[in-house]
Protein backbone atom coordinates (compact mmCIF):
# COMPACT_ATOMS: atom_id res chain seq x y z
CA MET A 1 0.00 0.00 0.00
CA MET A 2 1.31 3.34 -0.99
CA LEU A 3 0.91 6.38 1.19
CA LYS A 4 -0.25 9.47 -0.51
CA SER A 5 1.09 12.79 0.69
CA LEU A 6 -1.47 15.19 1.98
CA PHE A 7 0.68 18.00 0.67
CA PRO A 8 1.35 18.15 -3.05
CA VAL A 9 4.86 19.53 -2.37
CA THR A 10 7.88 17.45 -3.34
CA LEU A 11 11.39 17.47 -1.92
CA GLN A 12 12.67 19.23 -5.05
CA TRP A 13 10.23 22.03 -4.47
CA TRP A 14 11.53 22.50 -0.89
CA ASN A 15 15.15 22.61 -2.14
CA LYS A 16 14.28 25.27 -4.70
CA ALA A 17 12.32 27.31 -2.16
CA LEU A 18 15.15 27.13 0.37
CA GLY A 19 17.73 28.13 -2.27
CA LEU A 20 15.62 31.06 -3.42
CA GLY A 21 15.08 32.19 0.17
CA CYS A 22 18.85 32.13 0.86
CA LEU A 23 19.55 34.09 -2.34
CA VAL A 24 17.00 36.77 -1.40
CA PHE A 25 18.48 36.97 2.10
CA PHE A 26 22.08 37.37 0.87
CA LEU A 27 21.19 39.89 -1.82
CA SER A 28 19.15 42.01 0.53
CA SER A 29 21.84 41.97 3.21
CA CYS A 30 24.64 43.18 0.90
CA THR A 31 24.99 46.84 0.19
CA ASN A 32 28.04 48.50 -1.29
CA ASP A 33 28.96 51.95 -0.19
CA LEU A 34 31.08 53.23 -3.07
CA ASP A 35 33.14 55.47 -0.78
CA GLU A 36 33.89 52.52 1.48
CA VAL A 37 35.03 50.39 -1.49
CA LYS A 38 37.27 53.22 -2.73
CA ALA A 39 38.79 53.64 0.74
CA ILE A 40 39.62 49.93 0.94
CA THR A 41 41.16 49.76 -2.52
CA ARG A 42 43.07 53.01 -1.92
CA ALA A 43 44.70 51.45 1.14
CA TYR A 44 46.17 48.68 -1.04
CA ASP A 45 48.25 49.60 -4.07
CA VAL A 46 47.31 46.82 -6.48
CA SER A 47 49.77 48.09 -9.09
CA LYS A 48 52.69 47.01 -6.88
CA ASP A 49 53.55 43.78 -5.06
CA VAL A 50 56.20 43.81 -2.34
CA GLY A 51 58.18 40.79 -1.16
CA GLN A 52 60.80 40.48 1.55
CA LYS A 53 63.77 38.11 1.83
CA VAL A 54 63.23 36.82 -1.70
CA LYS A 55 65.10 34.17 -3.62
CA ILE A 56 64.32 33.83 -7.32
CA ILE A 57 65.56 30.82 -9.29
CA TYR A 58 65.92 31.20 -13.07
CA SER A 59 66.04 28.17 -15.32
CA ASP A 60 66.22 27.62 -19.03
CA SER A 61 65.40 24.29 -20.69
CA ALA A 62 65.08 22.67 -17.24
CA LEU A 63 68.58 23.83 -16.21
CA VAL A 64 68.96 26.25 -13.31
CA LYS A 65 71.07 29.13 -14.64
CA LEU A 66 71.13 31.60 -11.76
CA THR A 67 69.61 32.71 -8.49
CA ILE A 68 68.71 36.19 -7.31
CA GLU A 69 68.54 37.03 -3.62
CA ALA A 70 67.37 40.34 -2.19
CA PRO A 71 66.02 41.69 1.08
CA VAL A 72 63.16 43.47 -0.76
CA ILE A 73 61.55 43.28 -4.20
CA GLU A 74 58.92 45.69 -5.50
CA ARG A 75 57.12 44.29 -8.53
CA TYR A 76 55.29 46.94 -10.58
CA ASN A 77 52.44 45.31 -12.50
CA ASP A 78 52.01 47.77 -15.35
CA LEU A 79 51.06 45.64 -18.38
CA ASN A 80 52.97 47.91 -20.78
CA ASP A 81 56.06 48.41 -18.63
CA PRO A 82 56.39 45.86 -15.80
CA LYS A 83 59.42 46.19 -13.51
CA ASP A 84 61.08 44.41 -10.64
CA VAL A 85 62.85 46.89 -8.37
CA PHE A 86 65.36 45.77 -5.74
CA PRO A 87 65.80 48.96 -3.66
CA LYS A 88 67.83 47.47 -0.79
CA GLY A 89 70.47 45.48 -2.63
CA ILE A 90 70.80 42.35 -4.71
CA LEU A 91 73.00 39.27 -5.07
CA ILE A 92 72.96 37.35 -8.36
CA THR A 93 74.71 33.99 -8.49
CA PHE A 94 75.45 32.64 -11.99
CA LEU A 95 75.67 28.85 -12.14
CA ASP A 96 77.54 26.53 -14.48
CA ILE A 97 75.97 23.53 -16.21
CA ASN A 98 76.49 21.47 -13.03
CA ARG A 99 74.65 24.11 -10.94
CA LYS A 100 77.85 25.21 -9.25
CA PRO A 101 78.39 28.96 -8.69
CA GLU A 102 80.90 30.44 -11.12
CA SER A 103 80.33 34.19 -10.81
CA TRP A 104 78.46 36.68 -8.63
CA LEU A 105 77.06 40.17 -9.04
CA THR A 106 76.20 42.43 -6.08
CA ALA A 107 74.88 45.99 -6.00
CA ASP A 108 73.06 48.47 -3.75
CA GLU A 109 69.99 48.53 -6.01
CA ALA A 110 68.67 47.02 -9.23
CA VAL A 111 65.84 47.35 -11.75
CA ARG A 112 64.82 44.44 -13.96
CA GLU A 113 62.66 45.04 -17.03
CA PRO A 114 61.14 41.65 -17.96
CA LYS A 115 59.85 42.70 -21.39
CA LYS A 116 63.31 43.93 -22.44
CA ARG A 117 65.03 41.11 -20.50
CA LYS A 118 67.50 43.62 -19.06
CA MET A 119 68.62 44.40 -15.55
CA THR A 120 70.44 47.56 -14.48
CA VAL A 121 72.35 47.48 -11.19
CA ARG A 122 73.74 50.58 -9.47
CA GLY A 123 75.81 51.57 -6.46
CA ASN A 124 78.83 49.64 -5.18
CA VAL A 125 78.59 47.21 -8.07
CA ARG A 126 80.87 44.19 -7.73
CA PHE A 127 81.11 41.39 -10.26
CA TYR A 128 83.50 38.56 -9.46
CA ASN A 129 84.21 34.95 -10.33
CA THR A 130 85.75 31.79 -8.88
CA ALA A 131 89.22 32.89 -10.08
CA GLU A 132 88.79 35.94 -7.78
CA ASP A 133 88.78 38.36 -10.72
CA LYS A 134 86.73 41.37 -9.60
CA LEU A 135 85.11 44.25 -11.45
CA GLN A 136 84.06 47.38 -9.54
CA THR A 137 81.93 50.14 -11.04
CA SER A 138 78.95 52.36 -10.32
CA GLU A 139 76.59 50.76 -12.86
CA LEU A 140 76.27 47.58 -14.92
CA ILE A 141 73.63 46.40 -17.37
CA TRP A 142 72.92 42.71 -17.80
CA ASP A 143 71.33 41.76 -21.12
CA GLU A 144 69.68 38.38 -20.53
CA ASN A 145 69.07 37.76 -24.24
CA LEU A 146 72.68 38.30 -25.26
CA LYS A 147 74.04 36.83 -21.99
CA LYS A 148 76.40 39.75 -21.63
CA ILE A 149 77.14 42.34 -18.96
CA TYR A 150 78.33 45.81 -19.88
CA THR A 151 78.74 49.44 -18.81
CA GLU A 152 79.88 52.76 -20.20
CA LYS A 153 81.01 53.92 -16.74
CA PHE A 154 84.43 53.96 -15.10
CA ILE A 155 85.63 50.48 -14.12
CA ARG A 156 88.35 48.88 -12.05
CA ILE A 157 89.30 45.25 -12.59
CA THR A 158 91.58 43.35 -10.25
CA ARG A 159 92.93 39.92 -11.10
CA PRO A 160 94.93 38.76 -8.07
CA LEU A 161 96.09 35.48 -9.60
CA MET A 162 97.79 37.44 -12.40
CA GLY A 163 98.75 40.45 -10.28
CA ASP A 164 96.84 42.84 -12.56
CA THR A 165 94.81 45.97 -11.82
CA ILE A 166 93.18 47.64 -14.82
CA TYR A 167 91.23 50.92 -15.03
CA GLY A 168 89.09 52.01 -17.93
CA ILE A 169 85.84 53.47 -19.20
CA GLY A 170 83.36 51.12 -20.75
CA PHE A 171 83.36 47.38 -20.32
CA GLU A 172 81.76 44.22 -21.69
CA THR A 173 81.92 40.57 -20.66
CA ASP A 174 79.95 37.36 -20.81
CA GLN A 175 77.88 36.57 -17.73
CA ASN A 176 80.53 34.09 -16.57
CA PHE A 177 83.16 36.88 -16.49
CA LYS A 178 85.48 34.79 -18.68
CA ARG A 179 85.95 37.11 -21.69
CA ILE A 180 86.68 40.76 -20.85
CA GLU A 181 86.65 43.74 -23.21
CA ILE A 182 87.46 47.25 -22.01
CA LYS A 183 86.19 49.96 -24.35
CA GLN A 184 88.50 52.98 -23.85
CA LYS A 185 91.11 54.84 -21.78
CA ILE A 186 92.81 51.77 -20.42
CA LYS A 187 95.42 52.29 -17.75
CA GLY A 188 96.66 49.68 -15.38
CA LYS A 189 99.36 47.83 -13.59
CA LEU A 190 100.08 44.42 -14.98
CA ALA A 191 102.29 41.80 -13.38
CA GLY A 192 105.13 42.80 -15.76
CA GLY A 193 104.89 46.52 -14.99
CA GLU A 194 102.68 49.52 -15.73
CA PHE A 195 100.76 49.55 -19.01
CA ILE A 196 99.65 52.90 -20.47
CA PRO A 197 98.44 52.86 -24.09
CA ASP A 198 98.95 55.71 -26.58
């Protein structure tokens, strides 16, 4: 024997009614004060992300090529001109194919432009390698596409294993600091004596 419901209401009808009631409740309880929304979004600058104690690992074709460490990074999210700014210093470690460090770059501040794939570092710039060769300058530009590092500023290079100290204006090298080219006004002290070109 089948029991017939006295109420012609099914379970589906109750689910729909309950859902509609909840929707009406939530919609009627939400009001947006435009000034309040503006105040909240003004408090947070969505065009800039800030990170602290960051370590960025760069790889290419599944090989880790370098790491970047910095106390602070400010990432500006402009679609036309995005930038990563490192206002409190930076350490870049370039790795060989076996992921062993082979050269390092430090500076007081840096700006990376991802669309151009260039990074400019400034202030107490030091670039050195495992052979203890060291470049000192006020500014360097690292072109990630060409895998070269260069400047048009005054430079000082010391190579302790060879006993050399070289001064010049303008400089270019590969990111491993293996091949060095000084652009102009070279003066230095080489292991064999002082070298001053014409």
